């Protein structure tokens, strides 16, 4: 199982900060999140491109930045997903 920690917009959509899902890579994990929480699609992926992670997200896998959907996930890994916050 992969521990997924969510912050800011993703957390608000899911309604909790932490969930657990099985996945072999980042693409599978994000697709499962969208399957379970369809509103996340617009947050996780670039508009019209389900094959590219949104530029408004930071994703960390076991403390390292991850943007490639092929990033492998090991059982017990922690994935942190948070939206970038900016102000003017």
Protein backbone atom coordinates (compact mmCIF):
# COMPACT_ATOMS: atom_id res chain seq x y z
CA UNK A 1 0.00 0.00 0.00
CA UNK A 2 1.06 3.56 -0.71
CA UNK A 3 0.45 6.26 1.86
CA UNK A 4 -0.84 9.40 0.16
CA UNK A 5 -0.70 12.68 2.07
CA UNK A 6 -2.78 15.50 0.62
CA UNK A 7 -2.53 19.22 1.32
CA UNK A 8 -4.41 22.37 0.27
CA UNK A 9 -6.75 21.89 -2.74
CA UNK A 10 -6.36 18.08 -3.07
CA UNK A 11 -7.09 17.69 0.67
CA UNK A 12 -10.17 19.89 0.39
CA UNK A 13 -11.54 17.80 -2.48
CA UNK A 14 -10.89 14.42 -0.84
CA UNK A 15 -11.97 15.61 2.60
CA UNK A 16 -9.05 14.12 4.48
CA UNK A 17 -5.31 14.47 4.69
CA UNK A 18 -4.27 10.85 4.34
CA UNK A 19 -5.38 7.82 2.33
CA UNK A 20 -3.85 4.47 1.41
CA UNK A 21 -3.98 2.92 -2.08
CA UNK A 22 -2.13 0.12 -3.86
CA UNK A 23 -0.20 1.28 -6.95
CA UNK A 24 2.93 0.25 -8.83
CA UNK A 25 3.72 3.71 -10.24
CA UNK A 26 2.66 7.34 -10.01
CA UNK A 27 0.35 7.12 -13.02
CA UNK A 28 -1.61 4.24 -11.52
CA UNK A 29 -1.86 6.07 -8.20
CA UNK A 30 -3.12 9.32 -9.75
CA UNK A 31 -5.61 7.43 -11.93
CA UNK A 32 -6.99 5.65 -8.86
CA UNK A 33 -7.33 8.97 -7.08
CA UNK A 34 -9.28 10.38 -10.03
CA UNK A 35 -11.43 7.24 -10.17
CA UNK A 36 -12.34 7.62 -6.49
CA UNK A 37 -12.49 11.44 -6.52
CA UNK A 38 -13.35 12.65 -10.07
CA UNK A 39 -12.99 16.32 -9.10
CA UNK A 40 -9.25 15.73 -8.68
CA UNK A 41 -8.78 15.29 -12.44
CA UNK A 42 -8.64 19.05 -13.05
CA UNK A 43 -6.23 19.48 -10.14
CA UNK A 44 -3.86 16.60 -10.86
CA UNK A 45 -3.49 16.81 -14.63
CA UNK A 46 -2.94 19.54 -17.20
CA UNK A 47 -6.15 20.55 -18.96
CA UNK A 48 -6.99 18.06 -21.68
CA UNK A 49 -3.83 16.04 -20.99
CA UNK A 50 -4.25 13.13 -18.63
CA UNK A 51 -0.67 12.15 -19.39
CA UNK A 52 0.94 15.22 -17.83
CA UNK A 53 0.96 16.28 -14.20
CA UNK A 54 -0.37 19.79 -13.58
CA UNK A 55 2.21 22.55 -13.21
CA UNK A 56 0.28 23.69 -10.14
CA UNK A 57 1.20 20.60 -8.12
CA UNK A 58 4.18 19.46 -6.18
CA UNK A 59 4.46 15.70 -5.81
CA UNK A 60 7.03 14.06 -3.59
CA UNK A 61 7.77 10.33 -3.45
CA UNK A 62 9.63 9.39 -0.28
CA UNK A 63 10.95 12.93 0.00
CA UNK A 64 12.05 13.35 -3.63
CA UNK A 65 10.30 15.45 -6.25
CA UNK A 66 8.42 13.35 -8.81
CA UNK A 67 6.82 14.62 -12.03
CA UNK A 68 7.09 11.58 -14.30
CA UNK A 69 4.07 9.29 -14.37
CA UNK A 70 6.36 6.28 -14.78
CA UNK A 71 7.94 6.93 -11.36
CA UNK A 72 7.86 3.52 -9.63
CA UNK A 73 6.29 3.18 -6.19
CA UNK A 74 7.44 0.61 -3.70
CA UNK A 75 5.11 -0.93 -1.15
CA UNK A 76 5.15 1.31 1.91
CA UNK A 77 6.14 4.46 -0.02
CA UNK A 78 4.80 7.86 0.98
CA UNK A 79 3.53 10.18 -1.74
CA UNK A 80 2.84 13.81 -0.81
CA UNK A 81 0.64 15.86 -3.12
CA UNK A 82 0.02 19.55 -2.64
CA UNK A 83 -1.08 22.41 -4.78
CA UNK A 84 1.13 25.42 -5.23
CA UNK A 85 -0.17 28.50 -3.49
CA UNK A 86 0.65 31.90 -4.85
CA UNK A 87 -0.45 35.36 -4.03
CA UNK A 88 -0.25 38.78 -5.47
